[in-house]
Amino acid sequence: MLLGMRSGAFGALCRAAVALAVVVFVHGAHAGAEDAEAIGPPLQALIDAASPGETVVVPAGVHYGGVTVDKPLELRGEPGAIIDAQGVGDVVRVSSPDVTLRNLTLRNSGYNLTEMNAGVHGEKGADRLHVEDCVMENVAFGIWLWFLEGPRAVNNRIHGNADVRSPDRGDGLRLYAVHHGRFEGNDIRVVRDGVYVDTSSNIEFLNNHFEDLRYGIHYMYSHDGRVVGNTSTGTRSGFALMMSNRLEIVGNRSTADLNYGILLNFVNSSVIADNEVSGVRGWAGGSGTEHGIALGGEGKALFVYNSVNNEIRGNVFADSEMGIHLTAGSENNAIHDNAFVRNKYQVKYVGRSGQDWSHEGRGNYWSDYLGWDLDGDGIGQVPYQPTDGIDRLLWMYPMAEVLLNSPAVLVLRWVQRAFPVLRPPGVHDSHPLMAPPRGLEVSL
């Protein structure tokens, strides 16, 4: 009995010793891994020791983040140079003008959106901040800039954390009170908005790619900007442009975005030209509003809301639930030389005044146009009229759709066709094009 008790106690003691050894080993291995990340002098010490205007070369390996650059410097990474904030604060914070960050991987910022944790946080006064050829991974905001002049971000890759809910992520590029900036060739995915620009002016977004986001580019109260050659796919809305004037939206592409390809909300005196929007199908379960705009439901290639004096030309709006929805006082817009192709509904217009969507004898191409061209000039002889009074009634009272094929509705539509004077004001194209405008790539 005594021997058995001693044997049992000895076994328990052995098991405890083994468990303790495992804990010590795991802790030691973890500590060793952390120690291994501290390569050479701390990065902050290298920055502090550098003179203004010098280049600080960041060696390959992992360096602790949370560094501050408070003088004009270039931080240039060797291949494999990583700055890791370990989930706390910003990876790099810049407070000086004329700072360049190049060839660095910046990862694991904190996720406090109130504190604006970012891969790169440019404070007021960090004018002409230049970020190029950097990779940002698992960051809240990619690049946060406010009260700056002349920043540049070129050829960076900014990816957020797919395990974080979209509303709880930061934006890839977040700009507030920024002027005369250029953002080109960046690849931005799995953040909230690819770009959120607010109260800024003279900003250029050129040839960037946006994917798996809420909005590709979200423009608010910012004027005289250029959005040229960008692509958006798999976002809720590709290009959401709001409360802004004198924008140039040219040569962009929205493919398989969910709610809107291009949205104009209180956008005035702007040019929307040579863009291609396709495959906007809407999404199930969408509800609520944002900035007064309904979310979810119909997929709209172009939505124009309370926007005036714009030129909308040379665009392709194709294979979507709706080609264009124009409403809420959107008048005096020149809409011509566009191609509306295979949309389930080409036009939705809920307004009281008639609108002619043609300009100087040229209208738009409509894939469902059934008119003819007797003189061979490429212009249809019969105006295109995509909607009638019944359509307007159904848009105002959707529950009336159950009567769509009733004899009464069919008679009303026949009366409107037979006696155009009874047709209420709406959209018509006086000079519809028989073929897509030259230069537009359209699969017919």
Foldseek 3Di string as FASTA:
>chain_A
DVVVVVVVVVVVVVVVVVVVVVVVVVVVVVVVVVVVQDDPDAPQVQLVPDDAPEEDEQEAGEHEFPHEREHAYEYEYDARAEYEPQQEAERYEYEEANYEYYQYEFERWHQDVVSPHEPYEYDAHNEQYEYEHYEYEQTQEHYEDENYEEYEYEQYEYAHDLVDDQVSGHEPYEYYQYEQYEYENYEYEHGAEPYEYECYEAYEYYAYEYEHYQEPYAAYNYEHYEYANYEYEHYQEYAEHELYEAYEAEHYEYEQHEAEDYEYYQYEQYEHAQYEYENHEWDPPFADDDPNHTGTDFGEHYEYEQYEHYEYAHYEQEHGQEDYEYEHNHDHYAAFLYEDYHHVQDYHYQDQAADANYDPQTHYAYHPDDFDDPVPPQWGQDKDDRDWPVSNVCVVPVVCVVCCPPPVNVVVVVVCVVPVVPTGHYYIHNTYGPDRPPPDDDDD
